[in-house]
Amino acid sequence: MWFEIQGVPAVSIASSEFAEAAEAQRKMLGMDDARYVLVDHPIQDATDDEMRAKAQAAFEAVVQAVTT
């Protein structure tokens, strides 16, 4: 969110478990245009290969969110 406040396009990435929290924070900060992408939960126990797969699966959504 700091980057958005500075006028730099950005996208937050969060685990799907935190979808409601991400939306609530965006609204509480008055940043209705702030973008975020959710990745499959869990993350903490994911192996490196699982994290790579999550990142690859989210890549297009991240690019779209930061460029629109």
Protein backbone atom coordinates (compact mmCIF):
# COMPACT_ATOMS: atom_id res chain seq x y z
CA MET A 1 0.00 0.00 0.00
CA TRP A 2 2.91 2.36 0.65
CA PHE A 3 3.84 2.32 -3.03
CA GLU A 4 0.28 3.19 -4.07
CA ILE A 5 0.29 6.12 -1.65
CA GLN A 6 3.52 7.29 -3.32
CA GLY A 7 1.89 7.03 -6.75
CA VAL A 8 3.83 3.93 -7.79
CA PRO A 9 1.68 1.16 -9.32
CA ALA A 10 1.70 -1.86 -7.04
CA VAL A 11 -0.22 -4.99 -6.21
CA SER A 12 -0.38 -6.77 -2.88
CA ILE A 13 -0.25 -10.54 -2.75
CA ALA A 14 -1.93 -12.47 0.04
CA SER A 15 -2.97 -15.98 0.87
CA SER A 16 -6.60 -16.79 0.08
CA GLU A 17 -7.14 -17.28 3.81
CA PHE A 18 -6.79 -13.50 4.19
CA ALA A 19 -9.22 -12.39 1.48
CA GLU A 20 -11.62 -10.74 3.91
CA ALA A 21 -8.77 -9.04 5.78
CA ALA A 22 -7.27 -7.70 2.54
CA GLU A 23 -10.60 -6.27 1.47
CA ALA A 24 -11.27 -4.77 4.91
CA GLN A 25 -7.86 -3.12 5.06
CA ARG A 26 -8.25 -1.69 1.57
CA LYS A 27 -11.58 -0.15 2.55
CA MET A 28 -10.40 1.08 5.97
CA LEU A 29 -7.48 2.86 4.32
CA GLY A 30 -9.82 4.47 1.79
CA MET A 31 -7.89 2.87 -1.05
CA ASP A 32 -10.73 1.50 -3.14
CA ASP A 33 -8.45 1.29 -6.18
CA ALA A 34 -5.73 -0.69 -4.40
CA ARG A 35 -5.23 -4.04 -6.10
CA TYR A 36 -4.39 -7.39 -4.61
CA VAL A 37 -4.05 -10.94 -5.82
CA LEU A 38 -4.80 -13.98 -3.71
CA VAL A 39 -2.76 -17.17 -3.88
CA ASP A 40 -3.82 -20.58 -2.63
CA HIS A 41 -3.51 -21.15 1.10
CA PRO A 42 -1.44 -22.35 2.90
CA ILE A 43 1.91 -20.73 2.30
CA GLN A 44 3.83 -21.27 5.53
CA ASP A 45 4.19 -25.04 5.07
CA ALA A 46 4.64 -24.97 1.29
CA THR A 47 7.80 -26.41 -0.20
CA ASP A 48 9.91 -24.35 -2.59
CA ASP A 49 8.38 -26.22 -5.53
CA GLU A 50 4.86 -25.58 -4.22
CA MET A 51 5.66 -21.87 -3.80
CA ARG A 52 7.00 -21.72 -7.35
CA ALA A 53 3.77 -23.28 -8.58
CA LYS A 54 1.70 -20.76 -6.59
CA ALA A 55 3.76 -17.88 -7.99
CA GLN A 56 3.46 -19.19 -11.54
CA ALA A 57 -0.30 -19.61 -11.14
CA ALA A 58 -0.66 -16.02 -9.88
CA PHE A 59 1.75 -14.38 -12.34
CA GLU A 60 -0.77 -13.29 -14.98
CA ALA A 61 -3.15 -11.90 -12.35
CA VAL A 62 -0.30 -9.91 -10.78
CA VAL A 63 0.77 -8.48 -14.14
CA GLN A 64 -2.83 -7.60 -15.00
CA ALA A 65 -3.42 -5.98 -11.61
CA VAL A 66 -0.30 -3.82 -11.75
CA THR A 67 -0.82 -2.70 -15.35
CA THR A 68 -4.51 -1.77 -15.27
